Amino acid sequence: MIYRLDHNVSHIIDRELDAELIEFPNSKNVGFRNPELDFTEQIPQPMEFVGNLDVLMRTDYPYIVPTGYPMISLRLLDTLLVAGDFRYQTYRTRVYDEALAEEVRYQSDYTRTDFEVTDPAQYTDRFMILKLLDWTNVLDQKRTICAVRTDDDILAVRACDIDSPYLGLDKIERLVLTVPEEQLPGVFVMEGLTGLYCTDRTVQSCQRAGIVGVEFTPIPRPLYKGARPIPGGFRLLREDQLPV
């Protein structure tokens, strides 16, 4: 089974996220999901955020803004590597307590002020931004089945070898890979699918390590309407509607 690493936000009470980036020049154009793009020279060291330090202690995978910045703890990184080696790069971060938000961040454009924080109790350096350095392109688009609606609004299925650069996870009815799952790294990215992915091996590794704040969403992703039940939800089509 293939899973996407999603955020378990049950530790967040009366909040919408764990931390928010303090903007830096060109930060809106910086991303870490594409291994082919390198923004190292544009990134401040460390990248700075504002968040609730007490809440952040309850997660290894903070839910942050921008969402395209995969922030993880060292413990989670070690656990992913135990599940299977992969090439990666990390970038240092510093999260200031939200009580200092107005001191460390201009409220007009959310960029950094000159205010210096010297008390280590008012920030944490325990997280890093993770960037994978390779695509793991193992999606068999000729045998992976997607649900689509035809021009006359009839639900149909077809192979996912389409021209669109992204496949909607909601559309995938059957996921087929070109290699055995045992050959996959502890975490990986695939062209055409957004997010970080893993196998059962990584799920078990995280469970043994007591990793918190991560939710593993199986692909095909469970839906909550439709005709064909799978663990956790329903798919759009019945089993007998899928090609063999």
C-alpha atoms as a PDB file:
ATOM      1  CA  MET A   1       0.000   0.000   0.000  1.00  0.00           C
ATOM      2  CA  ILE A   2       1.176   3.499  -0.869  1.00  0.00           C
ATOM      3  CA  TYR A   3       0.417   6.389   1.476  1.00  0.00           C
ATOM      4  CA  ARG A   4       0.705  10.148   1.343  1.00  0.00           C
ATOM      5  CA  LEU A   5       2.196  11.846   4.405  1.00  0.00           C
ATOM      6  CA  ASP A   6      -0.454  14.257   5.615  1.00  0.00           C
ATOM      7  CA  HIS A   7      -0.658  16.375   8.747  1.00  0.00           C
ATOM      8  CA  ASN A   8      -2.494  15.113  11.806  1.00  0.00           C
ATOM      9  CA  VAL A   9      -3.661  18.368  13.373  1.00  0.00           C
ATOM     10  CA  SER A  10      -5.430  16.886  16.397  1.00  0.00           C
ATOM     11  CA  HIS A  11      -2.771  18.513  18.618  1.00  0.00           C
ATOM     12  CA  ILE A  12      -3.848  21.987  17.437  1.00  0.00           C
ATOM     13  CA  ILE A  13      -6.541  23.518  19.643  1.00  0.00           C
ATOM     14  CA  ASP A  14      -8.277  26.798  18.726  1.00  0.00           C
ATOM     15  CA  ARG A  15      -5.769  27.336  15.899  1.00  0.00           C
ATOM     16  CA  GLU A  16      -5.541  26.708  12.160  1.00  0.00           C
ATOM     17  CA  LEU A  17      -1.819  25.899  11.885  1.00  0.00           C
ATOM     18  CA  ASP A  18       1.397  25.276  13.817  1.00  0.00           C
ATOM     19  CA  ALA A  19       3.613  28.014  12.398  1.00  0.00           C
ATOM     20  CA  GLU A  20       3.754  30.687   9.719  1.00  0.00           C
ATOM     21  CA  LEU A  21       6.721  31.846   7.665  1.00  0.00           C
ATOM     22  CA  ILE A  22       8.312  35.230   8.201  1.00  0.00           C
ATOM     23  CA  GLU A  23       8.517  36.399   4.604  1.00  0.00           C
ATOM     24  CA  PHE A  24      11.868  36.949   2.901  1.00  0.00           C
ATOM     25  CA  PRO A  25      12.681  38.305  -0.599  1.00  0.00           C
ATOM     26  CA  ASN A  26      11.083  36.103  -3.276  1.00  0.00           C
ATOM     27  CA  SER A  27       9.753  33.695  -0.641  1.00  0.00           C
ATOM     28  CA  LYS A  28       6.470  33.285  -2.521  1.00  0.00           C
ATOM     29  CA  ASN A  29       8.372  31.757  -5.441  1.00  0.00           C
ATOM     30  CA  VAL A  30      10.423  29.322  -3.342  1.00  0.00           C
ATOM     31  CA  GLY A  31       9.312  25.695  -3.138  1.00  0.00           C
ATOM     32  CA  PHE A  32      10.714  22.349  -2.023  1.00  0.00           C
ATOM     33  CA  ARG A  33       8.515  19.757  -3.750  1.00  0.00           C
ATOM     34  CA  ASN A  34      10.427  19.645  -7.044  1.00  0.00           C
ATOM     35  CA  PRO A  35      13.867  17.975  -6.776  1.00  0.00           C
ATOM     36  CA  GLU A  36      14.994  19.675  -9.979  1.00  0.00           C
ATOM     37  CA  LEU A  37      14.692  23.201  -8.563  1.00  0.00           C
ATOM     38  CA  ASP A  38      17.356  24.612  -6.255  1.00  0.00           C
ATOM     39  CA  PHE A  39      16.554  27.730  -4.236  1.00  0.00           C
ATOM     40  CA  THR A  40      19.483  27.435  -1.814  1.00  0.00           C
ATOM     41  CA  GLU A  41      20.984  30.813  -2.683  1.00  0.00           C
ATOM     42  CA  GLN A  42      17.640  32.567  -2.119  1.00  0.00           C
ATOM     43  CA  ILE A  43      16.925  31.035   1.294  1.00  0.00           C
ATOM     44  CA  PRO A  44      17.966  32.718   4.554  1.00  0.00           C
ATOM     45  CA  GLN A  45      19.749  30.540   7.085  1.00  0.00           C
ATOM     46  CA  PRO A  46      17.813  29.886   9.164  1.00  0.00           C
ATOM     47  CA  MET A  47      14.381  30.397   7.677  1.00  0.00           C
ATOM     48  CA  GLU A  48      12.281  32.009  10.392  1.00  0.00           C
ATOM     49  CA  PHE A  49       8.711  31.355  11.486  1.00  0.00           C
ATOM     50  CA  VAL A  50       6.241  32.377  14.157  1.00  0.00           C
ATOM     51  CA  GLY A  51       4.310  29.697  16.034  1.00  0.00           C
ATOM     52  CA  ASN A  52       3.120  28.332  19.359  1.00  0.00           C
ATOM     53  CA  LEU A  53       6.105  26.600  20.958  1.00  0.00           C
ATOM     54  CA  ASP A  54       4.028  24.553  23.374  1.00  0.00           C
ATOM     55  CA  VAL A  55       1.874  23.200  20.555  1.00  0.00           C
ATOM     56  CA  LEU A  56       4.918  22.479  18.374  1.00  0.00           C
ATOM     57  CA  MET A  57       6.272  20.124  21.036  1.00  0.00           C
ATOM     58  CA  ARG A  58       3.360  17.793  20.224  1.00  0.00           C
ATOM     59  CA  THR A  59       4.252  17.136  16.593  1.00  0.00           C
ATOM     60  CA  ASP A  60       7.081  15.881  14.399  1.00  0.00           C
ATOM     61  CA  TYR A  61       5.433  17.191  11.219  1.00  0.00           C
ATOM     62  CA  PRO A  62       4.142  20.741  11.773  1.00  0.00           C
ATOM     63  CA  TYR A  63       1.321  22.064   9.650  1.00  0.00           C
ATOM     64  CA  ILE A  64       2.692  25.386   8.433  1.00  0.00           C
ATOM     65  CA  VAL A  65       2.123  28.155   5.922  1.00  0.00           C
ATOM     66  CA  PRO A  66       3.310  27.991   3.171  1.00  0.00           C
ATOM     67  CA  THR A  67       2.076  24.393   2.889  1.00  0.00           C
ATOM     68  CA  GLY A  68       4.699  23.655   0.226  1.00  0.00           C
ATOM     69  CA  TYR A  69       7.447  23.823   2.870  1.00  0.00           C
ATOM     70  CA  PRO A  70       7.813  20.284   4.344  1.00  0.00           C
ATOM     71  CA  MET A  71       8.883  21.019   7.954  1.00  0.00           C
ATOM     72  CA  ILE A  72       9.930  17.957   9.967  1.00  0.00           C
ATOM     73  CA  SER A  73      11.743  17.086  13.172  1.00  0.00           C
ATOM     74  CA  LEU A  74      15.138  15.362  13.231  1.00  0.00           C
ATOM     75  CA  ARG A  75      13.409  12.383  14.809  1.00  0.00           C
ATOM     76  CA  LEU A  76      11.061  12.057  11.842  1.00  0.00           C
ATOM     77  CA  LEU A  77      13.943  12.399   9.374  1.00  0.00           C
ATOM     78  CA  ASP A  78      15.877   9.618  11.136  1.00  0.00           C
ATOM     79  CA  THR A  79      12.775   7.414  11.126  1.00  0.00           C
ATOM     80  CA  LEU A  80      12.213   7.911   7.384  1.00  0.00           C
ATOM     81  CA  LEU A  81      15.849   7.001   6.691  1.00  0.00           C
ATOM     82  CA  VAL A  82      15.531   3.846   8.788  1.00  0.00           C
ATOM     83  CA  ALA A  83      12.649   2.803   6.540  1.00  0.00           C
ATOM     84  CA  GLY A  84      14.788   3.267   3.410  1.00  0.00           C
ATOM     85  CA  ASP A  85      17.674   5.507   2.299  1.00  0.00           C
ATOM     86  CA  PHE A  86      17.080   8.476   0.018  1.00  0.00           C
ATOM     87  CA  ARG A  87      19.025  11.532  -1.104  1.00  0.00           C
ATOM     88  CA  TYR A  88      17.955  14.722   0.578  1.00  0.00           C
ATOM     89  CA  GLN A  89      18.906  18.220   1.641  1.00  0.00           C
ATOM     90  CA  THR A  90      17.754  20.049   4.766  1.00  0.00           C
ATOM     91  CA  TYR A  91      17.482  23.742   5.596  1.00  0.00           C
ATOM     92  CA  ARG A  92      17.662  25.142   9.112  1.00  0.00           C
ATOM     93  CA  THR A  93      14.654  26.862  10.646  1.00  0.00           C
ATOM     94  CA  ARG A  94      13.917  28.895  13.758  1.00  0.00           C
ATOM     95  CA  VAL A  95      10.390  29.266  15.112  1.00  0.00           C
ATOM     96  CA  TYR A  96       9.745  32.198  17.463  1.00  0.00           C
ATOM     97  CA  ASP A  97       6.956  32.047  19.973  1.00  0.00           C
ATOM     98  CA  GLU A  98       3.840  33.783  18.717  1.00  0.00           C
ATOM     99  CA  ALA A  99       3.972  36.113  21.715  1.00  0.00           C
ATOM    100  CA  LEU A 100       6.836  37.832  19.857  1.00  0.00           C
ATOM    101  CA  ALA A 101       4.991  38.068  16.541  1.00  0.00           C
ATOM    102  CA  GLU A 102       4.740  41.851  16.504  1.00  0.00           C
ATOM    103  CA  GLU A 103       8.393  42.255  17.554  1.00  0.00           C
ATOM    104  CA  VAL A 104       9.970  39.902  15.004  1.00  0.00           C
ATOM    105  CA  ARG A 105       7.625  40.415  12.060  1.00  0.00           C
ATOM    106  CA  TYR A 106       6.262  43.558  10.435  1.00  0.00           C
ATOM    107  CA  GLN A 107       2.475  43.357  10.390  1.00  0.00           C
ATOM    108  CA  SER A 108       2.287  45.221   7.094  1.00  0.00           C
ATOM    109  CA  ASP A 109       4.143  42.724   4.881  1.00  0.00           C
ATOM    110  CA  TYR A 110       5.142  39.921   7.325  1.00  0.00           C
ATOM    111  CA  THR A 111       8.873  40.411   6.727  1.00  0.00           C
ATOM    112  CA  ARG A 112      11.522  40.278   9.478  1.00  0.00           C
ATOM    113  CA  THR A 113      12.182  43.224  11.760  1.00  0.00           C
ATOM    114  CA  ASP A 114      15.566  44.015  13.317  1.00  0.00           C
ATOM    115  CA  PHE A 115      14.432  42.801  16.732  1.00  0.00           C
ATOM    116  CA  GLU A 116      16.971  40.348  18.171  1.00  0.00           C
ATOM    117  CA  VAL A 117      15.748  37.381  20.206  1.00  0.00           C
ATOM    118  CA  THR A 118      18.422  36.148  22.609  1.00  0.00           C
ATOM    119  CA  ASP A 119      16.373  34.076  25.066  1.00  0.00           C
ATOM    120  CA  PRO A 120      16.428  30.424  23.840  1.00  0.00           C
ATOM    121  CA  ALA A 121      13.162  29.796  25.679  1.00  0.00           C
ATOM    122  CA  GLN A 122      11.441  32.058  23.146  1.00  0.00           C
ATOM    123  CA  TYR A 123      12.292  30.031  20.046  1.00  0.00           C
ATOM    124  CA  THR A 124      12.976  26.495  18.857  1.00  0.00           C
ATOM    125  CA  ASP A 125      15.474  25.194  16.313  1.00  0.00           C
ATOM    126  CA  ARG A 126      14.301  21.574  16.439  1.00  0.00           C
ATOM    127  CA  PHE A 127      12.693  21.521  12.986  1.00  0.00           C
ATOM    128  CA  MET A 128      14.106  21.610   9.467  1.00  0.00           C
ATOM    129  CA  ILE A 129      12.774  21.944   5.952  1.00  0.00           C
ATOM    130  CA  LEU A 130      13.201  18.739   3.946  1.00  0.00           C
ATOM    131  CA  LYS A 131      13.888  18.628   0.229  1.00  0.00           C
ATOM    132  CA  LEU A 132      14.268  15.344  -1.632  1.00  0.00           C
ATOM    133  CA  LEU A 133      16.880  15.387  -4.390  1.00  0.00           C
ATOM    134  CA  ASP A 134      15.374  12.768  -6.715  1.00  0.00           C
ATOM    135  CA  TRP A 135      12.054  11.997  -8.331  1.00  0.00           C
ATOM    136  CA  THR A 136      10.850   8.452  -7.682  1.00  0.00           C
ATOM    137  CA  ASN A 137       8.850   8.081 -10.876  1.00  0.00           C
ATOM    138  CA  VAL A 138       7.304   4.663 -10.353  1.00  0.00           C
ATOM    139  CA  LEU A 139       3.695   5.469 -11.248  1.00  0.00           C
ATOM    140  CA  ASP A 140       2.507   3.158 -14.039  1.00  0.00           C
ATOM    141  CA  GLN A 141       0.234   5.602 -15.842  1.00  0.00           C
ATOM    142  CA  LYS A 142      -0.925   3.032 -18.395  1.00  0.00           C
ATOM    143  CA  ARG A 143      -2.254   0.670 -15.741  1.00  0.00           C
ATOM    144  CA  THR A 144      -3.217   3.165 -13.043  1.00  0.00           C
ATOM    145  CA  ILE A 145      -6.945   3.778 -13.315  1.00  0.00           C
ATOM    146  CA  CYS A 146      -8.614   7.165 -12.885  1.00  0.00           C
ATOM    147  CA  ALA A 147     -12.253   8.141 -12.670  1.00  0.00           C
ATOM    148  CA  VAL A 148     -13.289  10.897 -15.066  1.00  0.00           C
ATOM    149  CA  ARG A 149     -16.532  12.481 -16.172  1.00  0.00           C
ATOM    150  CA  THR A 150     -17.299  12.439 -19.872  1.00  0.00           C
ATOM    151  CA  ASP A 151     -18.693  15.363 -21.833  1.00  0.00           C
ATOM    152  CA  ASP A 152     -22.233  14.097 -21.141  1.00  0.00           C
ATOM    153  CA  ASP A 153     -21.445  13.904 -17.401  1.00  0.00           C
ATOM    154  CA  ILE A 154     -21.217  10.111 -17.214  1.00  0.00           C
ATOM    155  CA  LEU A 155     -18.688   8.660 -14.783  1.00  0.00           C
ATOM    156  CA  ALA A 156     -16.102   6.596 -16.635  1.00  0.00           C
ATOM    157  CA  VAL A 157     -12.655   5.111 -16.082  1.00  0.00           C
ATOM    158  CA  ARG A 158      -9.517   5.304 -18.142  1.00  0.00           C
ATOM    159  CA  ALA A 159      -5.785   4.952 -17.865  1.00  0.00           C
ATOM    160  CA  CYS A 160      -4.058   7.904 -16.231  1.00  0.00           C
ATOM    161  CA  ASP A 161      -1.590   8.492 -19.085  1.00  0.00           C
ATOM    162  CA  ILE A 162      -3.028  11.941 -19.679  1.00  0.00           C
ATOM    163  CA  ASP A 163      -1.444  15.220 -20.732  1.00  0.00           C
ATOM    164  CA  SER A 164      -2.271  17.038 -17.488  1.00  0.00           C
ATOM    165  CA  PRO A 165       0.861  17.533 -15.332  1.00  0.00           C
ATOM    166  CA  TYR A 166      -1.038  16.608 -12.148  1.00  0.00           C
ATOM    167  CA  LEU A 167      -3.327  13.719 -11.276  1.00  0.00           C
ATOM    168  CA  GLY A 168      -6.017  14.479  -8.741  1.00  0.00           C
ATOM    169  CA  LEU A 169      -5.792  12.019  -5.859  1.00  0.00           C
ATOM    170  CA  ASP A 170      -9.581  11.936  -5.678  1.00  0.00           C
ATOM    171  CA  LYS A 171      -9.652  10.532  -9.225  1.00  0.00           C
ATOM    172  CA  ILE A 172      -7.334   7.552  -8.692  1.00  0.00           C
ATOM    173  CA  GLU A 173      -9.321   4.324  -8.449  1.00  0.00           C
ATOM    174  CA  ARG A 174      -6.444   1.885  -8.770  1.00  0.00           C
ATOM    175  CA  LEU A 175      -2.766   2.727  -8.247  1.00  0.00           C
ATOM    176  CA  VAL A 176      -0.191   0.591 -10.050  1.00  0.00           C
ATOM    177  CA  LEU A 177       3.587   0.962  -9.715  1.00  0.00           C
ATOM    178  CA  THR A 178       6.384  -0.076 -12.054  1.00  0.00           C
ATOM    179  CA  VAL A 179       8.528  -1.544  -9.247  1.00  0.00           C
ATOM    180  CA  PRO A 180       7.853  -3.637  -6.113  1.00  0.00           C
ATOM    181  CA  GLU A 181       7.136  -1.557  -3.018  1.00  0.00           C
ATOM    182  CA  GLU A 182      10.169  -3.102  -1.269  1.00  0.00           C
ATOM    183  CA  GLN A 183      12.432  -1.168  -3.652  1.00  0.00           C
ATOM    184  CA  LEU A 184      11.019   2.232  -2.692  1.00  0.00           C
ATOM    185  CA  PRO A 185      12.807   4.642  -0.325  1.00  0.00           C
ATOM    186  CA  GLY A 186      11.541   5.678   3.097  1.00  0.00           C
ATOM    187  CA  VAL A 187       9.874   8.739   1.589  1.00  0.00           C
ATOM    188  CA  PHE A 188       9.597   9.851  -2.029  1.00  0.00           C
ATOM    189  CA  VAL A 189       7.996  12.258  -4.498  1.00  0.00           C
ATOM    190  CA  MET A 190       6.413  11.355  -7.832  1.00  0.00           C
ATOM    191  CA  GLU A 191       5.831  13.585 -10.828  1.00  0.00           C
ATOM    192  CA  GLY A 192       2.122  14.045 -11.365  1.00  0.00           C
ATOM    193  CA  LEU A 193       1.204  13.655  -7.687  1.00  0.00           C
ATOM    194  CA  THR A 194       1.726  16.397  -5.114  1.00  0.00           C
ATOM    195  CA  GLY A 195       3.081  15.642  -1.654  1.00  0.00           C
ATOM    196  CA  LEU A 196       5.382  13.164   0.055  1.00  0.00           C
ATOM    197  CA  TYR A 197       4.694   9.425  -0.255  1.00  0.00           C
ATOM    198  CA  CYS A 198       5.770   6.231   1.495  1.00  0.00           C
ATOM    199  CA  THR A 199       4.959   2.537   1.916  1.00  0.00           C
ATOM    200  CA  ASP A 200       3.813   0.328   4.800  1.00  0.00           C
ATOM    201  CA  ARG A 201       7.455  -0.001   5.831  1.00  0.00           C
ATOM    202  CA  THR A 202       7.609   3.696   6.684  1.00  0.00           C
ATOM    203  CA  VAL A 203       4.260   3.616   8.479  1.00  0.00           C
ATOM    204  CA  GLN A 204       5.511   0.806  10.705  1.00  0.00           C
ATOM    205  CA  SER A 205       8.818   2.591  11.307  1.00  0.00           C
ATOM    206  CA  CYS A 206       6.976   5.731  12.441  1.00  0.00           C
ATOM    207  CA  GLN A 207       4.694   3.737  14.709  1.00  0.00           C
ATOM    208  CA  ARG A 208       7.666   2.030  16.378  1.00  0.00           C
ATOM    209  CA  ALA A 209       9.431   5.376  16.869  1.00  0.00           C
ATOM    210  CA  GLY A 210       6.356   7.047  18.367  1.00  0.00           C
ATOM    211  CA  ILE A 211       6.203   9.719  15.655  1.00  0.00           C
ATOM    212  CA  VAL A 212       3.354  12.172  16.205  1.00  0.00           C
ATOM    213  CA  GLY A 213       1.611  14.674  13.954  1.00  0.00           C
ATOM    214  CA  VAL A 214       1.706  12.501  10.817  1.00  0.00           C
ATOM    215  CA  GLU A 215      -1.333  10.974   9.157  1.00  0.00           C
ATOM    216  CA  PHE A 216      -0.866   8.339   6.467  1.00  0.00           C
ATOM    217  CA  THR A 217      -3.527   8.621   3.760  1.00  0.00           C
ATOM    218  CA  PRO A 218      -3.778   5.484   1.585  1.00  0.00           C
ATOM    219  CA  ILE A 219      -3.812   5.844  -2.192  1.00  0.00           C
ATOM    220  CA  PRO A 220      -6.410   5.368  -3.638  1.00  0.00           C
ATOM    221  CA  ARG A 221      -7.538   7.945  -1.126  1.00  0.00           C
ATOM    222  CA  PRO A 222     -10.659   7.135   0.869  1.00  0.00           C
ATOM    223  CA  LEU A 223     -13.692   9.143  -0.123  1.00  0.00           C
ATOM    224  CA  TYR A 224     -16.862   9.550   1.844  1.00  0.00           C
ATOM    225  CA  LYS A 225     -19.368   8.996  -0.921  1.00  0.00           C
ATOM    226  CA  GLY A 226     -19.628   6.555  -3.763  1.00  0.00           C
ATOM    227  CA  ALA A 227     -20.456   2.940  -4.350  1.00  0.00           C
ATOM    228  CA  ARG A 228     -17.374   0.867  -3.550  1.00  0.00           C
ATOM    229  CA  PRO A 229     -16.192   0.671   0.063  1.00  0.00           C
ATOM    230  CA  ILE A 230     -12.529   0.423   1.024  1.00  0.00           C
ATOM    231  CA  PRO A 231     -11.014   0.797   4.516  1.00  0.00           C
ATOM    232  CA  GLY A 232     -11.769   4.279   5.761  1.00  0.00           C
ATOM    233  CA  GLY A 233     -14.188   5.396   3.082  1.00  0.00           C
ATOM    234  CA  PHE A 234     -15.588   4.835  -0.384  1.00  0.00           C
ATOM    235  CA  ARG A 235     -14.368   5.088  -3.943  1.00  0.00           C
ATOM    236  CA  LEU A 236     -16.353   6.519  -6.816  1.00  0.00           C
ATOM    237  CA  LEU A 237     -16.796   3.282  -8.766  1.00  0.00           C
ATOM    238  CA  ARG A 238     -17.797  -0.260  -7.943  1.00  0.00           C
ATOM    239  CA  GLU A 239     -15.196  -2.985  -8.289  1.00  0.00           C
ATOM    240  CA  ASP A 240     -17.035  -4.493 -11.268  1.00  0.00           C
ATOM    241  CA  GLN A 241     -16.771  -1.156 -13.116  1.00  0.00           C
ATOM    242  CA  LEU A 242     -12.971  -1.207 -13.090  1.00  0.00           C
ATOM    243  CA  PRO A 243     -11.012  -2.684 -15.998  1.00  0.00           C
ATOM    244  CA  VAL A 244      -9.287  -5.950 -15.182  1.00  0.00           C
END
